[in-house]
Amino acid sequence: MYGQELKDSLQHLIEHFEEEAVPDYGRYVKEPARANKNGVQYIPRRVANPRVLAGIAIVGALTALSLVWGIKKTLQG
């Protein structure tokens, strides 16, 4: 990429940086790592991926419903 395409793309990035370049979640979204002349002094705690947590919750709910349905069916017949 070069010339006018590069200029247009950089201008687009400048205008839409928060939406396109900053992640929604992650270790460094809310606070940065800190370092000084001695090296890294602080690294924020890991942050769980909300999509993975939602997936685990859905799978757990479906498993529980399946178990309840299976037990109910077994008791009925």
C-alpha atoms as a PDB file:
ATOM      1  CA  MET A   1       0.000   0.000   0.000  1.00  0.00           C
ATOM      2  CA  TYR A   2       1.359   3.408  -0.929  1.00  0.00           C
ATOM      3  CA  GLY A   3       0.399   6.810  -2.255  1.00  0.00           C
ATOM      4  CA  GLN A   4      -3.184   8.002  -1.979  1.00  0.00           C
ATOM      5  CA  GLU A   5      -4.451   4.608  -0.731  1.00  0.00           C
ATOM      6  CA  LEU A   6      -2.016   4.777   2.189  1.00  0.00           C
ATOM      7  CA  LYS A   7      -3.013   8.360   3.018  1.00  0.00           C
ATOM      8  CA  ASP A   8      -6.725   7.492   2.883  1.00  0.00           C
ATOM      9  CA  SER A   9      -6.245   4.401   5.054  1.00  0.00           C
ATOM     10  CA  LEU A  10      -4.259   6.304   7.666  1.00  0.00           C
ATOM     11  CA  GLN A  11      -6.860   9.062   7.742  1.00  0.00           C
ATOM     12  CA  HIS A  12      -9.592   6.432   8.225  1.00  0.00           C
ATOM     13  CA  LEU A  13      -7.602   4.893  11.091  1.00  0.00           C
ATOM     14  CA  ILE A  14      -7.169   8.313  12.718  1.00  0.00           C
ATOM     15  CA  GLU A  15     -10.909   8.972  12.517  1.00  0.00           C
ATOM     16  CA  HIS A  16     -11.995   5.489  13.693  1.00  0.00           C
ATOM     17  CA  PHE A  17      -9.140   4.424  15.964  1.00  0.00           C
ATOM     18  CA  GLU A  18     -11.255   3.617  19.050  1.00  0.00           C
ATOM     19  CA  GLU A  19     -13.700   1.409  17.096  1.00  0.00           C
ATOM     20  CA  GLU A  20     -11.159  -0.416  14.941  1.00  0.00           C
ATOM     21  CA  ALA A  21      -7.883  -0.597  16.841  1.00  0.00           C
ATOM     22  CA  VAL A  22      -8.797  -0.800  20.542  1.00  0.00           C
ATOM     23  CA  PRO A  23     -10.028  -4.214  21.727  1.00  0.00           C
ATOM     24  CA  ASP A  24     -13.262  -4.577  23.716  1.00  0.00           C
ATOM     25  CA  TYR A  25     -11.615  -6.607  26.472  1.00  0.00           C
ATOM     26  CA  GLY A  26      -8.178  -7.738  27.464  1.00  0.00           C
ATOM     27  CA  ARG A  27      -5.424  -7.461  29.990  1.00  0.00           C
ATOM     28  CA  TYR A  28      -4.288  -3.979  28.979  1.00  0.00           C
ATOM     29  CA  VAL A  29      -7.610  -2.330  28.036  1.00  0.00           C
ATOM     30  CA  LYS A  30      -8.371  -0.730  31.411  1.00  0.00           C
ATOM     31  CA  GLU A  31      -4.831  -0.230  32.704  1.00  0.00           C
ATOM     32  CA  PRO A  32      -1.371  -0.455  31.153  1.00  0.00           C
ATOM     33  CA  ALA A  33       1.642  -2.427  32.267  1.00  0.00           C
ATOM     34  CA  ARG A  34       4.128  -0.265  34.121  1.00  0.00           C
ATOM     35  CA  ALA A  35       7.883  -0.270  33.690  1.00  0.00           C
ATOM     36  CA  ASN A  36      10.810   1.855  34.710  1.00  0.00           C
ATOM     37  CA  LYS A  37      14.568   1.765  34.232  1.00  0.00           C
ATOM     38  CA  ASN A  38      14.691  -1.521  36.184  1.00  0.00           C
ATOM     39  CA  GLY A  39      12.223  -3.268  33.874  1.00  0.00           C
ATOM     40  CA  VAL A  40       8.595  -4.303  34.157  1.00  0.00           C
ATOM     41  CA  GLN A  41       7.141  -3.385  37.542  1.00  0.00           C
ATOM     42  CA  TYR A  42       3.475  -4.290  37.094  1.00  0.00           C
ATOM     43  CA  ILE A  43       1.369  -6.323  34.689  1.00  0.00           C
ATOM     44  CA  PRO A  44      -2.444  -6.214  35.028  1.00  0.00           C
ATOM     45  CA  ARG A  45      -4.285  -9.428  35.850  1.00  0.00           C
ATOM     46  CA  ARG A  46      -5.531 -11.587  33.024  1.00  0.00           C
ATOM     47  CA  VAL A  47      -9.090 -10.904  31.889  1.00  0.00           C
ATOM     48  CA  ALA A  48     -11.417 -13.714  30.848  1.00  0.00           C
ATOM     49  CA  ASN A  49     -12.788 -13.693  27.316  1.00  0.00           C
ATOM     50  CA  PRO A  50     -16.517 -12.887  27.670  1.00  0.00           C
ATOM     51  CA  ARG A  51     -17.388 -14.981  24.591  1.00  0.00           C
ATOM     52  CA  VAL A  52     -15.765 -18.056  26.116  1.00  0.00           C
ATOM     53  CA  LEU A  53     -17.581 -17.485  29.415  1.00  0.00           C
ATOM     54  CA  ALA A  54     -20.901 -17.114  27.576  1.00  0.00           C
ATOM     55  CA  GLY A  55     -20.218 -20.315  25.639  1.00  0.00           C
ATOM     56  CA  ILE A  56     -19.451 -22.228  28.821  1.00  0.00           C
ATOM     57  CA  ALA A  57     -22.653 -20.923  30.426  1.00  0.00           C
ATOM     58  CA  ILE A  58     -24.739 -21.979  27.409  1.00  0.00           C
ATOM     59  CA  VAL A  59     -23.207 -25.450  27.298  1.00  0.00           C
ATOM     60  CA  GLY A  60     -23.768 -25.827  31.045  1.00  0.00           C
ATOM     61  CA  ALA A  61     -27.407 -24.764  30.770  1.00  0.00           C
ATOM     62  CA  LEU A  62     -28.044 -27.135  27.855  1.00  0.00           C
ATOM     63  CA  THR A  63     -26.395 -29.995  29.752  1.00  0.00           C
ATOM     64  CA  ALA A  64     -28.540 -29.327  32.825  1.00  0.00           C
ATOM     65  CA  LEU A  65     -31.718 -29.178  30.728  1.00  0.00           C
ATOM     66  CA  SER A  66     -30.790 -32.430  29.001  1.00  0.00           C
ATOM     67  CA  LEU A  67     -30.208 -34.150  32.319  1.00  0.00           C
ATOM     68  CA  VAL A  68     -33.517 -32.919  33.750  1.00  0.00           C
ATOM     69  CA  TRP A  69     -35.359 -33.975  30.588  1.00  0.00           C
ATOM     70  CA  GLY A  70     -33.687 -37.417  30.647  1.00  0.00           C
ATOM     71  CA  ILE A  71     -34.452 -38.001  34.337  1.00  0.00           C
ATOM     72  CA  LYS A  72     -38.054 -36.875  33.850  1.00  0.00           C
ATOM     73  CA  LYS A  73     -38.499 -39.181  30.866  1.00  0.00           C
ATOM     74  CA  THR A  74     -36.968 -42.122  32.769  1.00  0.00           C
ATOM     75  CA  LEU A  75     -39.281 -41.603  35.749  1.00  0.00           C
ATOM     76  CA  GLN A  76     -42.370 -41.385  33.541  1.00  0.00           C
ATOM     77  CA  GLY A  77     -41.860 -44.470  31.558  1.00  0.00           C
END
